[in-house]
Amino acid sequence: MKEREYYPALKKALKEYLERDNTATVQLAITSNKIPEWVKSGWDDVTAYAALVTKKKPDIMGYLQSKNEHNIRKLLSVEFKVGELNFEDIYQLKMYAELFDSDLNYLISTEPVNSDLKRFLEKRRGVLAVRAAYYQIEIFMLGPTVDGEYMLIPVNI
């Protein structure tokens, strides 16, 4: 399957994963072609300008809204790859995280992280840090379920 063909299933699996403990609601959009206005509405002027000038777009963007008394809303960016992840994929998502000032940043692949990359990331955890190390990139594998759907499997690094 091509990358774009996974997007609806990925969007569904990510929403289920993030809402699994019922402490937040998630709204997601496939943004690889165009970022919808409701996503842009949460941006400041600098982010809107940078997005306009660079024309860069993650595969999926959206917001996670906490259900607690603090009612915190977090912007998220997702980069998805068919096949194994590599360094360029990590730095592509880091660019999106910095450009859009994303709070939550997910790098998702259809394949497990290869042992060499995983070993490197275990020794150089800072590579996954974004926004002055305040946030961290999280890595997942999109795996099939027995009923033909997909689910996210966290990669422990």
C-alpha atoms as a PDB file:
ATOM      1  CA  MET A   1       0.000   0.000   0.000  1.00  0.00           C
ATOM      2  CA  LYS A   2       1.045   3.572  -0.617  1.00  0.00           C
ATOM      3  CA  GLU A   3       1.561   5.948   2.294  1.00  0.00           C
ATOM      4  CA  ARG A   4      -1.601   7.968   1.614  1.00  0.00           C
ATOM      5  CA  GLU A   5      -3.723   4.814   1.596  1.00  0.00           C
ATOM      6  CA  TYR A   6      -2.856   4.272   5.269  1.00  0.00           C
ATOM      7  CA  TYR A   7      -3.907   7.754   6.423  1.00  0.00           C
ATOM      8  CA  PRO A   8      -7.575   7.031   7.298  1.00  0.00           C
ATOM      9  CA  ALA A   9      -6.646   3.892   9.275  1.00  0.00           C
ATOM     10  CA  LEU A  10      -3.732   5.723  10.908  1.00  0.00           C
ATOM     11  CA  LYS A  11      -5.975   8.620  11.890  1.00  0.00           C
ATOM     12  CA  LYS A  12      -8.488   6.213  13.454  1.00  0.00           C
ATOM     13  CA  ALA A  13      -5.803   4.198  15.304  1.00  0.00           C
ATOM     14  CA  LEU A  14      -4.138   7.356  16.643  1.00  0.00           C
ATOM     15  CA  LYS A  15      -7.445   8.773  17.887  1.00  0.00           C
ATOM     16  CA  GLU A  16      -8.258   5.483  19.641  1.00  0.00           C
ATOM     17  CA  TYR A  17      -4.797   5.338  21.179  1.00  0.00           C
ATOM     18  CA  LEU A  18      -4.877   8.909  22.493  1.00  0.00           C
ATOM     19  CA  GLU A  19      -8.432   8.629  23.828  1.00  0.00           C
ATOM     20  CA  ARG A  20      -7.915   5.161  25.354  1.00  0.00           C
ATOM     21  CA  ASP A  21      -7.983   6.308  28.981  1.00  0.00           C
ATOM     22  CA  ASN A  22     -10.863   8.780  28.474  1.00  0.00           C
ATOM     23  CA  THR A  23      -8.890  11.771  29.830  1.00  0.00           C
ATOM     24  CA  ALA A  24      -8.810  13.688  26.543  1.00  0.00           C
ATOM     25  CA  THR A  25     -10.635  14.186  23.283  1.00  0.00           C
ATOM     26  CA  VAL A  26      -8.754  14.270  20.013  1.00  0.00           C
ATOM     27  CA  GLN A  27      -9.565  15.972  16.727  1.00  0.00           C
ATOM     28  CA  LEU A  28      -7.353  15.001  13.769  1.00  0.00           C
ATOM     29  CA  ALA A  29      -7.046  15.961  10.112  1.00  0.00           C
ATOM     30  CA  ILE A  30      -5.067  14.496   7.242  1.00  0.00           C
ATOM     31  CA  THR A  31      -2.867  17.449   6.339  1.00  0.00           C
ATOM     32  CA  SER A  32      -0.419  16.106   3.762  1.00  0.00           C
ATOM     33  CA  ASN A  33      -2.120  18.149   1.014  1.00  0.00           C
ATOM     34  CA  LYS A  34      -3.772  21.001   2.886  1.00  0.00           C
ATOM     35  CA  ILE A  35      -3.996  22.118   6.495  1.00  0.00           C
ATOM     36  CA  PRO A  36      -7.609  22.952   7.404  1.00  0.00           C
ATOM     37  CA  GLU A  37      -8.571  26.292   8.917  1.00  0.00           C
ATOM     38  CA  TRP A  38      -9.635  24.744  12.238  1.00  0.00           C
ATOM     39  CA  VAL A  39      -6.037  23.517  12.741  1.00  0.00           C
ATOM     40  CA  LYS A  40      -4.599  26.901  11.748  1.00  0.00           C
ATOM     41  CA  SER A  41      -6.967  28.689  14.147  1.00  0.00           C
ATOM     42  CA  GLY A  42      -4.765  27.699  17.096  1.00  0.00           C
ATOM     43  CA  TRP A  43      -1.563  29.075  15.584  1.00  0.00           C
ATOM     44  CA  ASP A  44       0.131  32.322  16.447  1.00  0.00           C
ATOM     45  CA  ASP A  45       1.193  34.751  13.690  1.00  0.00           C
ATOM     46  CA  VAL A  46       4.771  33.451  13.559  1.00  0.00           C
ATOM     47  CA  THR A  47       3.623  29.856  13.005  1.00  0.00           C
ATOM     48  CA  ALA A  48       1.117  30.913  10.334  1.00  0.00           C
ATOM     49  CA  TYR A  49       3.816  32.902   8.535  1.00  0.00           C
ATOM     50  CA  ALA A  50       6.363  30.069   8.703  1.00  0.00           C
ATOM     51  CA  ALA A  51       3.825  27.571   7.373  1.00  0.00           C
ATOM     52  CA  LEU A  52       2.884  29.898   4.525  1.00  0.00           C
ATOM     53  CA  VAL A  53       6.487  30.557   3.520  1.00  0.00           C
ATOM     54  CA  THR A  54       7.819  27.005   3.811  1.00  0.00           C
ATOM     55  CA  LYS A  55       4.708  25.173   2.528  1.00  0.00           C
ATOM     56  CA  LYS A  56       5.666  22.248   4.792  1.00  0.00           C
ATOM     57  CA  LYS A  57       2.915  19.922   6.021  1.00  0.00           C
ATOM     58  CA  PRO A  58       2.974  16.896   8.329  1.00  0.00           C
ATOM     59  CA  ASP A  59       0.841  13.924   7.286  1.00  0.00           C
ATOM     60  CA  ILE A  60      -1.646  14.445  10.121  1.00  0.00           C
ATOM     61  CA  MET A  61      -2.231  17.322  12.525  1.00  0.00           C
ATOM     62  CA  GLY A  62      -4.785  18.066  15.174  1.00  0.00           C
ATOM     63  CA  TYR A  63      -5.451  18.850  18.794  1.00  0.00           C
ATOM     64  CA  LEU A  64      -5.654  16.873  22.005  1.00  0.00           C
ATOM     65  CA  GLN A  65      -7.984  18.536  24.527  1.00  0.00           C
ATOM     66  CA  SER A  66      -7.717  17.390  28.139  1.00  0.00           C
ATOM     67  CA  LYS A  67     -10.940  16.651  30.002  1.00  0.00           C
ATOM     68  CA  ASN A  68      -9.613  17.715  33.405  1.00  0.00           C
ATOM     69  CA  GLU A  69     -10.115  21.015  35.221  1.00  0.00           C
ATOM     70  CA  HIS A  70      -7.138  22.562  33.411  1.00  0.00           C
ATOM     71  CA  ASN A  71      -8.722  21.982  29.977  1.00  0.00           C
ATOM     72  CA  ILE A  72      -5.345  22.068  28.207  1.00  0.00           C
ATOM     73  CA  ARG A  73      -5.295  21.957  24.398  1.00  0.00           C
ATOM     74  CA  LYS A  74      -2.168  20.582  22.696  1.00  0.00           C
ATOM     75  CA  LEU A  75      -1.233  20.744  19.019  1.00  0.00           C
ATOM     76  CA  LEU A  76       0.035  17.502  17.547  1.00  0.00           C
ATOM     77  CA  SER A  77       1.995  16.644  14.411  1.00  0.00           C
ATOM     78  CA  VAL A  78       2.353  13.182  12.892  1.00  0.00           C
ATOM     79  CA  GLU A  79       4.787  11.897  10.297  1.00  0.00           C
ATOM     80  CA  PHE A  80       4.065   8.462   8.844  1.00  0.00           C
ATOM     81  CA  LYS A  81       6.331   6.184   6.831  1.00  0.00           C
ATOM     82  CA  VAL A  82       5.756   2.902   5.043  1.00  0.00           C
ATOM     83  CA  GLY A  83       8.789   0.735   5.810  1.00  0.00           C
ATOM     84  CA  GLU A  84      11.684   1.253   8.192  1.00  0.00           C
ATOM     85  CA  LEU A  85      12.389   4.599   9.806  1.00  0.00           C
ATOM     86  CA  ASN A  86      15.678   6.406   9.280  1.00  0.00           C
ATOM     87  CA  PHE A  87      17.435   9.547  10.524  1.00  0.00           C
ATOM     88  CA  GLU A  88      15.847  11.729   7.861  1.00  0.00           C
ATOM     89  CA  ASP A  89      12.385  10.760   9.113  1.00  0.00           C
ATOM     90  CA  ILE A  90      13.263  11.830  12.648  1.00  0.00           C
ATOM     91  CA  TYR A  91      14.653  15.156  11.484  1.00  0.00           C
ATOM     92  CA  GLN A  92      11.667  15.745   9.218  1.00  0.00           C
ATOM     93  CA  LEU A  93       9.362  15.443  12.232  1.00  0.00           C
ATOM     94  CA  LYS A  94      11.713  17.613  14.314  1.00  0.00           C
ATOM     95  CA  MET A  95      11.368  20.289  11.628  1.00  0.00           C
ATOM     96  CA  TYR A  96       7.568  20.094  11.845  1.00  0.00           C
ATOM     97  CA  ALA A  97       7.674  20.201  15.647  1.00  0.00           C
ATOM     98  CA  GLU A  98       9.781  23.357  15.617  1.00  0.00           C
ATOM     99  CA  LEU A  99       7.992  25.001  12.691  1.00  0.00           C
ATOM    100  CA  PHE A 100       4.466  24.457  14.034  1.00  0.00           C
ATOM    101  CA  ASP A 101       5.418  24.606  17.726  1.00  0.00           C
ATOM    102  CA  SER A 102       3.730  21.219  18.227  1.00  0.00           C
ATOM    103  CA  ASP A 103       3.338  19.911  21.746  1.00  0.00           C
ATOM    104  CA  LEU A 104       2.906  16.258  20.736  1.00  0.00           C
ATOM    105  CA  ASN A 105       4.984  14.765  17.923  1.00  0.00           C
ATOM    106  CA  TYR A 106       4.510  11.228  16.666  1.00  0.00           C
ATOM    107  CA  LEU A 107       6.685   9.341  14.188  1.00  0.00           C
ATOM    108  CA  ILE A 108       4.842   6.245  12.999  1.00  0.00           C
ATOM    109  CA  SER A 109       5.971   3.444  10.707  1.00  0.00           C
ATOM    110  CA  THR A 110       4.610   0.165   9.372  1.00  0.00           C
ATOM    111  CA  GLU A 111       7.827  -1.613  10.377  1.00  0.00           C
ATOM    112  CA  PRO A 112       9.624  -2.081  13.694  1.00  0.00           C
ATOM    113  CA  VAL A 113      12.534   0.262  14.364  1.00  0.00           C
ATOM    114  CA  ASN A 114      15.695  -1.471  13.195  1.00  0.00           C
ATOM    115  CA  SER A 115      18.146  -2.465  15.900  1.00  0.00           C
ATOM    116  CA  ASP A 116      20.923  -0.078  14.773  1.00  0.00           C
ATOM    117  CA  LEU A 117      18.671   2.988  14.864  1.00  0.00           C
ATOM    118  CA  LYS A 118      17.133   1.889  18.151  1.00  0.00           C
ATOM    119  CA  ARG A 119      20.579   1.380  19.721  1.00  0.00           C
ATOM    120  CA  PHE A 120      21.689   4.820  18.495  1.00  0.00           C
ATOM    121  CA  LEU A 121      18.556   6.479  19.924  1.00  0.00           C
ATOM    122  CA  GLU A 122      19.028   4.717  23.259  1.00  0.00           C
ATOM    123  CA  LYS A 123      22.515   6.264  23.496  1.00  0.00           C
ATOM    124  CA  ARG A 124      21.549   9.666  22.030  1.00  0.00           C
ATOM    125  CA  ARG A 125      18.126  10.366  23.542  1.00  0.00           C
ATOM    126  CA  GLY A 126      18.557  14.061  22.795  1.00  0.00           C
ATOM    127  CA  VAL A 127      18.011  13.365  19.094  1.00  0.00           C
ATOM    128  CA  LEU A 128      14.299  12.907  19.871  1.00  0.00           C
ATOM    129  CA  ALA A 129      14.071  16.133  21.889  1.00  0.00           C
ATOM    130  CA  VAL A 130      12.243  19.096  20.362  1.00  0.00           C
ATOM    131  CA  ARG A 131      11.483  22.666  21.363  1.00  0.00           C
ATOM    132  CA  ALA A 132      14.521  23.148  23.594  1.00  0.00           C
ATOM    133  CA  ALA A 133      14.127  19.602  24.972  1.00  0.00           C
ATOM    134  CA  TYR A 134      10.767  20.467  26.555  1.00  0.00           C
ATOM    135  CA  TYR A 135       9.012  17.865  24.400  1.00  0.00           C
ATOM    136  CA  GLN A 136      10.009  14.480  23.022  1.00  0.00           C
ATOM    137  CA  ILE A 137       9.232  12.719  19.743  1.00  0.00           C
ATOM    138  CA  GLU A 138       7.373   9.473  20.345  1.00  0.00           C
ATOM    139  CA  ILE A 139       7.795   6.549  17.938  1.00  0.00           C
ATOM    140  CA  PHE A 140       5.137   3.961  17.121  1.00  0.00           C
ATOM    141  CA  MET A 141       4.566   1.085  14.741  1.00  0.00           C
ATOM    142  CA  LEU A 142       1.211   0.827  12.958  1.00  0.00           C
ATOM    143  CA  GLY A 143       0.321  -2.846  13.209  1.00  0.00           C
ATOM    144  CA  PRO A 144      -2.648  -4.842  11.959  1.00  0.00           C
ATOM    145  CA  THR A 145      -5.231  -6.274  14.345  1.00  0.00           C
ATOM    146  CA  VAL A 146      -6.977  -9.630  14.005  1.00  0.00           C
ATOM    147  CA  ASP A 147     -10.142  -7.927  12.714  1.00  0.00           C
ATOM    148  CA  GLY A 148      -8.354  -6.237   9.800  1.00  0.00           C
ATOM    149  CA  GLU A 149      -8.069  -2.821  11.484  1.00  0.00           C
ATOM    150  CA  TYR A 150      -4.851  -1.137  12.642  1.00  0.00           C
ATOM    151  CA  MET A 151      -3.493  -0.240  16.051  1.00  0.00           C
ATOM    152  CA  LEU A 152      -0.543   1.772  17.332  1.00  0.00           C
ATOM    153  CA  ILE A 153       2.233  -0.096  19.094  1.00  0.00           C
ATOM    154  CA  PRO A 154       4.600   2.134  21.118  1.00  0.00           C
ATOM    155  CA  VAL A 155       8.316   1.615  20.479  1.00  0.00           C
ATOM    156  CA  ASN A 156      10.251   1.668  23.727  1.00  0.00           C
ATOM    157  CA  ILE A 157      13.561   3.483  23.427  1.00  0.00           C
END
